[in-house]
Amino acid sequence: MTAVPGEVLDAIEAATGERPAGAGMPVAGGDINHAVRLGECFVKLNDPGYAAMFEAEAEGLAELAAARGGPRVPAVVARGVAGGRAYLVLEWIDFGQPRRNGWHRMGEAVAAMHATTAERFGWHRDNTIGTTSQPNAWMTDWVAFFAERRLGHQLALAAEQGAPTGLIRDGERLRDGLGGLFSGYQPVPSLLHGDLWGGNAAFDGDGAPVIYDPAVHYGDRECDLAMTELFGGFPADFHAAYDAVWPRDAGYPVRRTLYQLYHLLNHFNLFGGGFARSAHDAVRRLLSEIG
């Protein structure tokens, strides 16, 4: 059992009308926050410096929840700083096994979420991808946005982390020639989860698709789709159902490598190791496409 600051209990009581017991059961699975189950609530705790990260996550979940027909997301109960800890309280969702049509429903729901669009690319605030900063200031040009706020930002961080000079050199060449991968393709600013891998997707007890731990922004929907094919990937039923609602552009297979590169660079910046080599391999493949 894990003690939770009394101010957090006060916040839960103010939001729900019920006061949970003062200790919760630790929840395994994350590597950033300390997490516990407290009654029907899921509580994330961390140092006070993480308050802005929790605030951005709460706003991102609210943005996703407003998407008509999108996947279910945990409702935000409370957030703040108390007892020397930043906290975020979400509803507890009991996860179950996907039913026979579960991944089909997930594909349709993600396509519906992507149908929620904005006038520009970005978001009203910066947030994080894992613990890495993710700048989101609005831009009207997607190629410029991705070159500066995604690829360029991760390359700068990688250089600070001591990435091989060849990776940074070739990555900057790719950044400068990025437009060559978007000939005849102009994405709309779709609402994105932003970190849509298998560890951030599940199904509730009724079999409804659920997504969580977002890095929300408005961007090319192919970004989310590329992530569903990285680190294990979503099953074929998901992709067939998605494409039945909103087929992918013919150039997606090449840009998939670009959008996966963003996450490979981020994993290098978070964990180091062999991700630098994987990222450099992706950069070389993309440079060969540009010519």
C-alpha atoms as a PDB file:
ATOM      1  CA  MET A   1       0.000   0.000   0.000  1.00  0.00           C
ATOM      2  CA  THR A   2       1.134   3.553  -0.788  1.00  0.00           C
ATOM      3  CA  ALA A   3       0.168   6.649   1.186  1.00  0.00           C
ATOM      4  CA  VAL A   4      -1.299   9.486  -0.892  1.00  0.00           C
ATOM      5  CA  PRO A   5      -1.105  13.134   0.319  1.00  0.00           C
ATOM      6  CA  GLY A   6      -4.237  14.273   2.118  1.00  0.00           C
ATOM      7  CA  GLU A   7      -4.625  17.236  -0.256  1.00  0.00           C
ATOM      8  CA  VAL A   8      -4.997  14.759  -3.129  1.00  0.00           C
ATOM      9  CA  LEU A   9      -7.747  12.969  -1.214  1.00  0.00           C
ATOM     10  CA  ASP A  10      -9.402  16.360  -0.668  1.00  0.00           C
ATOM     11  CA  ALA A  11      -9.277  17.074  -4.398  1.00  0.00           C
ATOM     12  CA  ILE A  12     -10.811  13.694  -5.237  1.00  0.00           C
ATOM     13  CA  GLU A  13     -13.559  14.223  -2.686  1.00  0.00           C
ATOM     14  CA  ALA A  14     -14.310  17.692  -4.075  1.00  0.00           C
ATOM     15  CA  ALA A  15     -14.546  16.288  -7.606  1.00  0.00           C
ATOM     16  CA  THR A  16     -16.466  13.082  -6.910  1.00  0.00           C
ATOM     17  CA  GLY A  17     -18.268  13.627  -3.632  1.00  0.00           C
ATOM     18  CA  GLU A  18     -16.542  10.590  -2.130  1.00  0.00           C
ATOM     19  CA  ARG A  19     -13.336  10.402  -0.132  1.00  0.00           C
ATOM     20  CA  PRO A  20     -11.186   7.352  -0.857  1.00  0.00           C
ATOM     21  CA  ALA A  21      -9.022   5.623   1.706  1.00  0.00           C
ATOM     22  CA  GLY A  22      -5.654   7.263   2.237  1.00  0.00           C
ATOM     23  CA  ALA A  23      -3.547   4.446   0.803  1.00  0.00           C
ATOM     24  CA  GLY A  24      -3.532   2.962  -2.671  1.00  0.00           C
ATOM     25  CA  MET A  25      -2.226  -0.109  -4.450  1.00  0.00           C
ATOM     26  CA  PRO A  26       0.898   0.491  -6.569  1.00  0.00           C
ATOM     27  CA  VAL A  27       0.352   0.052 -10.314  1.00  0.00           C
ATOM     28  CA  ALA A  28       3.212  -1.282 -12.407  1.00  0.00           C
ATOM     29  CA  GLY A  29       3.911  -0.519 -16.045  1.00  0.00           C
ATOM     30  CA  GLY A  30       5.174   3.058 -16.278  1.00  0.00           C
ATOM     31  CA  ASP A  31       8.780   4.227 -16.051  1.00  0.00           C
ATOM     32  CA  ILE A  32       8.201   7.951 -15.496  1.00  0.00           C
ATOM     33  CA  ASN A  33       5.706   8.363 -12.653  1.00  0.00           C
ATOM     34  CA  HIS A  34       4.769   6.608  -9.427  1.00  0.00           C
ATOM     35  CA  ALA A  35       1.236   5.313  -9.973  1.00  0.00           C
ATOM     36  CA  VAL A  36      -1.363   3.872  -7.619  1.00  0.00           C
ATOM     37  CA  ARG A  37      -4.960   2.755  -7.748  1.00  0.00           C
ATOM     38  CA  LEU A  38      -7.065   4.551  -5.183  1.00  0.00           C
ATOM     39  CA  GLY A  39     -10.642   3.242  -5.211  1.00  0.00           C
ATOM     40  CA  GLU A  40     -12.025   4.052  -8.652  1.00  0.00           C
ATOM     41  CA  CYS A  41      -9.186   6.462  -9.405  1.00  0.00           C
ATOM     42  CA  PHE A  42      -5.780   6.099 -11.034  1.00  0.00           C
ATOM     43  CA  VAL A  43      -3.283   8.491  -9.438  1.00  0.00           C
ATOM     44  CA  LYS A  44       0.036   9.560 -10.955  1.00  0.00           C
ATOM     45  CA  LEU A  45       2.568  11.168  -8.627  1.00  0.00           C
ATOM     46  CA  ASN A  46       5.910  12.811  -9.344  1.00  0.00           C
ATOM     47  CA  ASP A  47       8.147  15.692  -8.330  1.00  0.00           C
ATOM     48  CA  PRO A  48       6.600  19.198  -8.445  1.00  0.00           C
ATOM     49  CA  GLY A  49       8.551  19.978 -11.628  1.00  0.00           C
ATOM     50  CA  TYR A  50       6.264  17.547 -13.471  1.00  0.00           C
ATOM     51  CA  ALA A  51       3.142  19.618 -12.796  1.00  0.00           C
ATOM     52  CA  ALA A  52       3.192  21.197 -16.274  1.00  0.00           C
ATOM     53  CA  MET A  53       3.537  17.755 -17.863  1.00  0.00           C
ATOM     54  CA  PHE A  54       0.483  16.529 -15.943  1.00  0.00           C
ATOM     55  CA  GLU A  55      -1.428  19.676 -16.876  1.00  0.00           C
ATOM     56  CA  ALA A  56      -0.677  19.132 -20.566  1.00  0.00           C
ATOM     57  CA  GLU A  57      -1.702  15.469 -20.302  1.00  0.00           C
ATOM     58  CA  ALA A  58      -5.000  16.447 -18.688  1.00  0.00           C
ATOM     59  CA  GLU A  59      -5.716  18.988 -21.422  1.00  0.00           C
ATOM     60  CA  GLY A  60      -4.756  16.454 -24.082  1.00  0.00           C
ATOM     61  CA  LEU A  61      -7.134  13.851 -22.668  1.00  0.00           C
ATOM     62  CA  ALA A  62      -9.924  16.434 -22.658  1.00  0.00           C
ATOM     63  CA  GLU A  63      -9.171  17.255 -26.301  1.00  0.00           C
ATOM     64  CA  LEU A  64      -9.329  13.582 -27.272  1.00  0.00           C
ATOM     65  CA  ALA A  65     -12.504  13.015 -25.253  1.00  0.00           C
ATOM     66  CA  ALA A  66     -14.267  15.720 -27.265  1.00  0.00           C
ATOM     67  CA  ALA A  67     -13.581  13.949 -30.589  1.00  0.00           C
ATOM     68  CA  ARG A  68     -16.862  12.572 -31.888  1.00  0.00           C
ATOM     69  CA  GLY A  69     -16.673   8.817 -32.344  1.00  0.00           C
ATOM     70  CA  GLY A  70     -13.081   8.564 -31.129  1.00  0.00           C
ATOM     71  CA  PRO A  71     -11.713   6.005 -28.690  1.00  0.00           C
ATOM     72  CA  ARG A  72     -12.555   6.258 -25.021  1.00  0.00           C
ATOM     73  CA  VAL A  73      -9.999   8.064 -22.877  1.00  0.00           C
ATOM     74  CA  PRO A  74      -9.738   8.204 -19.073  1.00  0.00           C
ATOM     75  CA  ALA A  75     -11.682  11.099 -17.583  1.00  0.00           C
ATOM     76  CA  VAL A  76      -9.653  13.642 -15.629  1.00  0.00           C
ATOM     77  CA  VAL A  77     -10.699  13.848 -11.977  1.00  0.00           C
ATOM     78  CA  ALA A  78      -8.162  16.311 -10.520  1.00  0.00           C
ATOM     79  CA  ARG A  79      -4.626  17.604 -10.892  1.00  0.00           C
ATOM     80  CA  GLY A  80      -2.281  19.909  -9.022  1.00  0.00           C
ATOM     81  CA  VAL A  81       0.588  19.975  -6.529  1.00  0.00           C
ATOM     82  CA  ALA A  82       0.171  18.794  -2.939  1.00  0.00           C
ATOM     83  CA  GLY A  83       2.400  17.518  -0.184  1.00  0.00           C
ATOM     84  CA  GLY A  84       5.493  18.186  -2.263  1.00  0.00           C
ATOM     85  CA  ARG A  85       4.199  16.031  -5.131  1.00  0.00           C
ATOM     86  CA  ALA A  86       2.663  16.867  -8.502  1.00  0.00           C
ATOM     87  CA  TYR A  87      -0.375  14.694  -9.101  1.00  0.00           C
ATOM     88  CA  LEU A  88      -2.842  13.747 -11.808  1.00  0.00           C
ATOM     89  CA  VAL A  89      -5.978  11.793 -10.927  1.00  0.00           C
ATOM     90  CA  LEU A  90      -7.824   9.913 -13.669  1.00  0.00           C
ATOM     91  CA  GLU A  91     -10.755   7.552 -13.627  1.00  0.00           C
ATOM     92  CA  TRP A  92      -9.787   3.916 -13.177  1.00  0.00           C
ATOM     93  CA  ILE A  93     -10.665   1.767 -16.199  1.00  0.00           C
ATOM     94  CA  ASP A  94     -10.674  -2.016 -15.901  1.00  0.00           C
ATOM     95  CA  PHE A  95      -9.056  -3.322 -19.060  1.00  0.00           C
ATOM     96  CA  GLY A  96     -10.166  -6.541 -20.706  1.00  0.00           C
ATOM     97  CA  GLN A  97      -9.186  -8.668 -23.652  1.00  0.00           C
ATOM     98  CA  PRO A  98     -10.135  -7.364 -27.113  1.00  0.00           C
ATOM     99  CA  ARG A  99     -13.221  -9.031 -28.487  1.00  0.00           C
ATOM    100  CA  ARG A 100     -13.373 -10.523 -31.946  1.00  0.00           C
ATOM    101  CA  ASN A 101     -14.064  -7.153 -33.564  1.00  0.00           C
ATOM    102  CA  GLY A 102     -12.073  -5.130 -31.030  1.00  0.00           C
ATOM    103  CA  TRP A 103      -9.233  -3.994 -33.263  1.00  0.00           C
ATOM    104  CA  HIS A 104     -11.709  -3.306 -36.050  1.00  0.00           C
ATOM    105  CA  ARG A 105     -13.515  -0.941 -33.680  1.00  0.00           C
ATOM    106  CA  MET A 106     -10.193   0.637 -32.709  1.00  0.00           C
ATOM    107  CA  GLY A 107      -9.399   1.345 -36.363  1.00  0.00           C
ATOM    108  CA  GLU A 108     -12.757   2.990 -36.953  1.00  0.00           C
ATOM    109  CA  ALA A 109     -12.477   5.024 -33.745  1.00  0.00           C
ATOM    110  CA  VAL A 110      -8.979   6.320 -34.553  1.00  0.00           C
ATOM    111  CA  ALA A 111     -10.159   7.309 -38.046  1.00  0.00           C
ATOM    112  CA  ALA A 112     -13.038   9.213 -36.426  1.00  0.00           C
ATOM    113  CA  MET A 113     -10.614  10.939 -34.048  1.00  0.00           C
ATOM    114  CA  HIS A 114      -8.454  11.988 -37.007  1.00  0.00           C
ATOM    115  CA  ALA A 115     -11.537  13.490 -38.671  1.00  0.00           C
ATOM    116  CA  THR A 116     -11.457  16.165 -35.957  1.00  0.00           C
ATOM    117  CA  THR A 117      -9.368  18.903 -37.546  1.00  0.00           C
ATOM    118  CA  ALA A 118      -7.964  22.357 -36.883  1.00  0.00           C
ATOM    119  CA  GLU A 119      -7.029  25.256 -39.158  1.00  0.00           C
ATOM    120  CA  ARG A 120      -3.300  24.966 -38.423  1.00  0.00           C
ATOM    121  CA  PHE A 121      -0.719  22.450 -37.292  1.00  0.00           C
ATOM    122  CA  GLY A 122       0.365  22.309 -33.670  1.00  0.00           C
ATOM    123  CA  TRP A 123      -1.537  22.915 -30.476  1.00  0.00           C
ATOM    124  CA  HIS A 124      -2.310  25.734 -28.072  1.00  0.00           C
ATOM    125  CA  ARG A 125       0.506  24.644 -25.749  1.00  0.00           C
ATOM    126  CA  ASP A 126       3.713  22.646 -25.693  1.00  0.00           C
ATOM    127  CA  ASN A 127       3.718  19.208 -24.089  1.00  0.00           C
ATOM    128  CA  THR A 128       5.974  16.161 -23.857  1.00  0.00           C
ATOM    129  CA  ILE A 129       6.610  12.897 -25.696  1.00  0.00           C
ATOM    130  CA  GLY A 130       7.640  10.689 -22.806  1.00  0.00           C
ATOM    131  CA  THR A 131       9.590  13.241 -20.802  1.00  0.00           C
ATOM    132  CA  THR A 132      11.059  14.937 -23.892  1.00  0.00           C
ATOM    133  CA  SER A 133       9.811  18.430 -24.641  1.00  0.00           C
ATOM    134  CA  GLN A 134       7.501  18.649 -27.658  1.00  0.00           C
ATOM    135  CA  PRO A 135       7.081  22.185 -29.050  1.00  0.00           C
ATOM    136  CA  ASN A 136       3.680  22.777 -30.637  1.00  0.00           C
ATOM    137  CA  ALA A 137       3.458  26.469 -31.590  1.00  0.00           C
ATOM    138  CA  TRP A 138       0.957  26.795 -34.445  1.00  0.00           C
ATOM    139  CA  MET A 139       2.124  26.833 -38.072  1.00  0.00           C
ATOM    140  CA  THR A 140       0.206  26.727 -41.356  1.00  0.00           C
ATOM    141  CA  ASP A 141       2.865  24.740 -43.261  1.00  0.00           C
ATOM    142  CA  TRP A 142       3.156  21.088 -42.203  1.00  0.00           C
ATOM    143  CA  VAL A 143       6.546  20.477 -43.810  1.00  0.00           C
ATOM    144  CA  ALA A 144       7.984  23.509 -42.051  1.00  0.00           C
ATOM    145  CA  PHE A 145       6.318  22.464 -38.788  1.00  0.00           C
ATOM    146  CA  PHE A 146       7.721  18.943 -38.918  1.00  0.00           C
ATOM    147  CA  ALA A 147      11.155  20.121 -40.029  1.00  0.00           C
ATOM    148  CA  GLU A 148      11.445  22.636 -37.176  1.00  0.00           C
ATOM    149  CA  ARG A 149       9.319  21.416 -34.282  1.00  0.00           C
ATOM    150  CA  ARG A 150       9.737  17.680 -34.707  1.00  0.00           C
ATOM    151  CA  LEU A 151      12.780  16.512 -36.683  1.00  0.00           C
ATOM    152  CA  GLY A 152      14.934  19.578 -36.061  1.00  0.00           C
ATOM    153  CA  HIS A 153      14.075  19.658 -32.357  1.00  0.00           C
ATOM    154  CA  GLN A 154      14.930  15.974 -31.842  1.00  0.00           C
ATOM    155  CA  LEU A 155      18.173  16.319 -33.807  1.00  0.00           C
ATOM    156  CA  ALA A 156      19.248  19.255 -31.649  1.00  0.00           C
ATOM    157  CA  LEU A 157      18.545  17.244 -28.512  1.00  0.00           C
ATOM    158  CA  ALA A 158      20.382  14.238 -29.961  1.00  0.00           C
ATOM    159  CA  ALA A 159      23.435  16.377 -30.668  1.00  0.00           C
ATOM    160  CA  GLU A 160      23.396  17.488 -27.035  1.00  0.00           C
ATOM    161  CA  GLN A 161      23.183  13.822 -25.994  1.00  0.00           C
ATOM    162  CA  GLY A 162      26.322  12.980 -27.976  1.00  0.00           C
ATOM    163  CA  ALA A 163      24.739  11.325 -31.010  1.00  0.00           C
ATOM    164  CA  PRO A 164      27.157  10.293 -33.784  1.00  0.00           C
ATOM    165  CA  THR A 165      28.099  13.231 -35.991  1.00  0.00           C
ATOM    166  CA  GLY A 166      27.075  11.303 -39.108  1.00  0.00           C
ATOM    167  CA  LEU A 167      23.528  10.935 -37.813  1.00  0.00           C
ATOM    168  CA  ILE A 168      23.269  14.649 -37.073  1.00  0.00           C
ATOM    169  CA  ARG A 169      24.832  15.652 -40.410  1.00  0.00           C
ATOM    170  CA  ASP A 170      22.576  13.383 -42.468  1.00  0.00           C
ATOM    171  CA  GLY A 171      19.561  14.226 -40.321  1.00  0.00           C
ATOM    172  CA  GLU A 172      20.050  17.916 -41.014  1.00  0.00           C
ATOM    173  CA  ARG A 173      20.303  17.195 -44.759  1.00  0.00           C
ATOM    174  CA  LEU A 174      17.006  15.351 -44.494  1.00  0.00           C
ATOM    175  CA  ARG A 175      15.440  18.196 -42.524  1.00  0.00           C
ATOM    176  CA  ASP A 176      16.469  20.706 -45.187  1.00  0.00           C
ATOM    177  CA  GLY A 177      15.150  18.564 -48.048  1.00  0.00           C
ATOM    178  CA  LEU A 178      11.986  17.359 -46.359  1.00  0.00           C
ATOM    179  CA  GLY A 179       9.663  18.808 -48.989  1.00  0.00           C
ATOM    180  CA  GLY A 180      10.804  16.109 -51.405  1.00  0.00           C
ATOM    181  CA  LEU A 181       8.790  13.549 -49.433  1.00  0.00           C
ATOM    182  CA  PHE A 182       5.535  15.493 -49.781  1.00  0.00           C
ATOM    183  CA  SER A 183       5.190  15.945 -53.537  1.00  0.00           C
ATOM    184  CA  GLY A 184       1.474  16.012 -54.346  1.00  0.00           C
ATOM    185  CA  TYR A 185       0.500  15.370 -50.718  1.00  0.00           C
ATOM    186  CA  GLN A 186      -0.960  18.012 -48.415  1.00  0.00           C
ATOM    187  CA  PRO A 187      -2.160  16.644 -45.063  1.00  0.00           C
ATOM    188  CA  VAL A 188      -4.934  18.252 -43.075  1.00  0.00           C
ATOM    189  CA  PRO A 189      -4.313  19.126 -39.401  1.00  0.00           C
ATOM    190  CA  SER A 190      -5.901  16.078 -37.738  1.00  0.00           C
ATOM    191  CA  LEU A 191      -6.263  15.556 -34.005  1.00  0.00           C
ATOM    192  CA  LEU A 192      -3.482  13.139 -33.063  1.00  0.00           C
ATOM    193  CA  HIS A 193      -2.853  11.043 -30.003  1.00  0.00           C
ATOM    194  CA  GLY A 194       0.823  11.603 -30.723  1.00  0.00           C
ATOM    195  CA  ASP A 195       2.278   8.432 -29.137  1.00  0.00           C
ATOM    196  CA  LEU A 196      -0.038   5.720 -30.400  1.00  0.00           C
ATOM    197  CA  TRP A 197       1.879   2.513 -29.792  1.00  0.00           C
ATOM    198  CA  GLY A 198       0.549  -0.743 -28.372  1.00  0.00           C
ATOM    199  CA  GLY A 199       1.359   0.213 -24.787  1.00  0.00           C
ATOM    200  CA  ASN A 200      -1.006   3.195 -24.965  1.00  0.00           C
ATOM    201  CA  ALA A 201      -4.054   1.374 -26.334  1.00  0.00           C
ATOM    202  CA  ALA A 202      -6.392  -1.142 -24.704  1.00  0.00           C
ATOM    203  CA  PHE A 203     -10.039  -2.180 -24.360  1.00  0.00           C
ATOM    204  CA  ASP A 204     -12.426  -1.638 -21.471  1.00  0.00           C
ATOM    205  CA  GLY A 205     -14.618  -4.306 -19.911  1.00  0.00           C
ATOM    206  CA  ASP A 206     -17.293  -3.771 -22.561  1.00  0.00           C
ATOM    207  CA  GLY A 207     -14.770  -4.195 -25.374  1.00  0.00           C
ATOM    208  CA  ALA A 208     -14.677  -0.490 -26.289  1.00  0.00           C
ATOM    209  CA  PRO A 209     -11.285   0.831 -27.501  1.00  0.00           C
ATOM    210  CA  VAL A 210      -9.348   3.000 -25.050  1.00  0.00           C
ATOM    211  CA  ILE A 211      -6.267   5.174 -25.577  1.00  0.00           C
ATOM    212  CA  TYR A 212      -4.242   7.041 -22.956  1.00  0.00           C
ATOM    213  CA  ASP A 213      -0.864   8.691 -22.185  1.00  0.00           C
ATOM    214  CA  PRO A 214      -1.140  11.066 -25.162  1.00  0.00           C
ATOM    215  CA  ALA A 215       1.206  13.632 -26.695  1.00  0.00           C
ATOM    216  CA  VAL A 216      -1.662  15.523 -28.336  1.00  0.00           C
ATOM    217  CA  HIS A 217      -1.336  17.933 -31.246  1.00  0.00           C
ATOM    218  CA  TYR A 218      -2.858  18.546 -34.669  1.00  0.00           C
ATOM    219  CA  GLY A 219      -0.793  17.117 -37.503  1.00  0.00           C
ATOM    220  CA  ASP A 220      -0.602  14.632 -40.343  1.00  0.00           C
ATOM    221  CA  ARG A 221      -2.718  11.587 -39.441  1.00  0.00           C
ATOM    222  CA  GLU A 222       0.045   9.422 -40.889  1.00  0.00           C
ATOM    223  CA  CYS A 223       2.083  10.236 -37.762  1.00  0.00           C
ATOM    224  CA  ASP A 224      -0.263   8.188 -35.579  1.00  0.00           C
ATOM    225  CA  LEU A 225      -0.543   5.442 -38.179  1.00  0.00           C
ATOM    226  CA  ALA A 226       3.237   5.144 -38.449  1.00  0.00           C
ATOM    227  CA  MET A 227       3.514   4.722 -34.684  1.00  0.00           C
ATOM    228  CA  THR A 228       0.932   1.902 -34.763  1.00  0.00           C
ATOM    229  CA  GLU A 229       3.442  -0.002 -36.925  1.00  0.00           C
ATOM    230  CA  LEU A 230       6.433   0.534 -34.613  1.00  0.00           C
ATOM    231  CA  PHE A 231       7.457  -1.403 -31.489  1.00  0.00           C
ATOM    232  CA  GLY A 232       5.301  -4.441 -32.180  1.00  0.00           C
ATOM    233  CA  GLY A 233       2.507  -2.722 -34.041  1.00  0.00           C
ATOM    234  CA  PHE A 234      -1.269  -2.984 -34.150  1.00  0.00           C
ATOM    235  CA  PRO A 235      -2.828  -6.038 -35.859  1.00  0.00           C
ATOM    236  CA  ALA A 236      -4.013  -6.149 -39.461  1.00  0.00           C
ATOM    237  CA  ASP A 237      -7.681  -5.761 -38.436  1.00  0.00           C
ATOM    238  CA  PHE A 238      -6.928  -2.270 -37.159  1.00  0.00           C
ATOM    239  CA  HIS A 239      -5.349  -1.137 -40.413  1.00  0.00           C
ATOM    240  CA  ALA A 240      -8.047  -2.670 -42.618  1.00  0.00           C
ATOM    241  CA  ALA A 241     -10.802  -0.987 -40.626  1.00  0.00           C
ATOM    242  CA  TYR A 242      -9.007   2.371 -40.616  1.00  0.00           C
ATOM    243  CA  ASP A 243      -8.403   2.297 -44.356  1.00  0.00           C
ATOM    244  CA  ALA A 244     -12.029   1.362 -45.018  1.00  0.00           C
ATOM    245  CA  VAL A 245     -13.021   4.656 -43.363  1.00  0.00           C
ATOM    246  CA  TRP A 246     -10.166   6.861 -44.602  1.00  0.00           C
ATOM    247  CA  PRO A 247      -7.672   5.231 -46.985  1.00  0.00           C
ATOM    248  CA  ARG A 248      -4.020   6.153 -46.730  1.00  0.00           C
ATOM    249  CA  ASP A 249      -2.248   8.123 -49.441  1.00  0.00           C
ATOM    250  CA  ALA A 250      -0.050   6.132 -51.829  1.00  0.00           C
ATOM    251  CA  GLY A 251       3.064   7.852 -50.470  1.00  0.00           C
ATOM    252  CA  TYR A 252       2.456   6.691 -46.912  1.00  0.00           C
ATOM    253  CA  PRO A 253       5.001   3.818 -46.903  1.00  0.00           C
ATOM    254  CA  VAL A 254       7.875   6.297 -47.392  1.00  0.00           C
ATOM    255  CA  ARG A 255       6.582   8.894 -44.944  1.00  0.00           C
ATOM    256  CA  ARG A 256       5.963   6.111 -42.408  1.00  0.00           C
ATOM    257  CA  THR A 257       9.743   5.853 -42.096  1.00  0.00           C
ATOM    258  CA  LEU A 258       9.974   9.612 -41.545  1.00  0.00           C
ATOM    259  CA  TYR A 259       7.370   9.627 -38.801  1.00  0.00           C
ATOM    260  CA  GLN A 260       8.890   6.570 -37.133  1.00  0.00           C
ATOM    261  CA  LEU A 261      12.244   8.359 -37.239  1.00  0.00           C
ATOM    262  CA  TYR A 262      10.829  10.973 -34.871  1.00  0.00           C
ATOM    263  CA  HIS A 263      10.201   8.277 -32.261  1.00  0.00           C
ATOM    264  CA  LEU A 264      13.530   6.555 -32.856  1.00  0.00           C
ATOM    265  CA  LEU A 265      15.325   9.837 -32.235  1.00  0.00           C
ATOM    266  CA  ASN A 266      13.208  10.425 -29.157  1.00  0.00           C
ATOM    267  CA  HIS A 267      14.078   6.973 -27.844  1.00  0.00           C
ATOM    268  CA  PHE A 268      17.751   7.732 -28.371  1.00  0.00           C
ATOM    269  CA  ASN A 269      17.316  10.974 -26.435  1.00  0.00           C
ATOM    270  CA  LEU A 270      15.541   9.123 -23.629  1.00  0.00           C
ATOM    271  CA  PHE A 271      17.440   5.840 -23.510  1.00  0.00           C
ATOM    272  CA  GLY A 272      20.512   6.072 -25.771  1.00  0.00           C
ATOM    273  CA  GLY A 273      21.905   2.780 -26.985  1.00  0.00           C
ATOM    274  CA  GLY A 274      21.174   1.286 -30.371  1.00  0.00           C
ATOM    275  CA  PHE A 275      18.431   3.741 -31.244  1.00  0.00           C
ATOM    276  CA  ALA A 276      21.066   6.005 -32.839  1.00  0.00           C
ATOM    277  CA  ARG A 277      21.887   3.310 -35.379  1.00  0.00           C
ATOM    278  CA  SER A 278      18.204   2.621 -36.095  1.00  0.00           C
ATOM    279  CA  ALA A 279      17.599   6.343 -36.557  1.00  0.00           C
ATOM    280  CA  HIS A 280      20.573   6.724 -38.896  1.00  0.00           C
ATOM    281  CA  ASP A 281      19.404   3.773 -41.002  1.00  0.00           C
ATOM    282  CA  ALA A 282      16.008   5.469 -41.342  1.00  0.00           C
ATOM    283  CA  VAL A 283      17.628   8.782 -42.302  1.00  0.00           C
ATOM    284  CA  ARG A 284      19.677   7.092 -45.022  1.00  0.00           C
ATOM    285  CA  ARG A 285      16.595   5.406 -46.486  1.00  0.00           C
ATOM    286  CA  LEU A 286      14.746   8.703 -46.585  1.00  0.00           C
ATOM    287  CA  LEU A 287      17.677  10.541 -48.185  1.00  0.00           C
ATOM    288  CA  SER A 288      17.700   7.914 -50.918  1.00  0.00           C
ATOM    289  CA  GLU A 289      14.050   8.707 -51.613  1.00  0.00           C
ATOM    290  CA  ILE A 290      14.771  12.409 -51.959  1.00  0.00           C
ATOM    291  CA  GLY A 291      17.742  11.785 -54.256  1.00  0.00           C
END
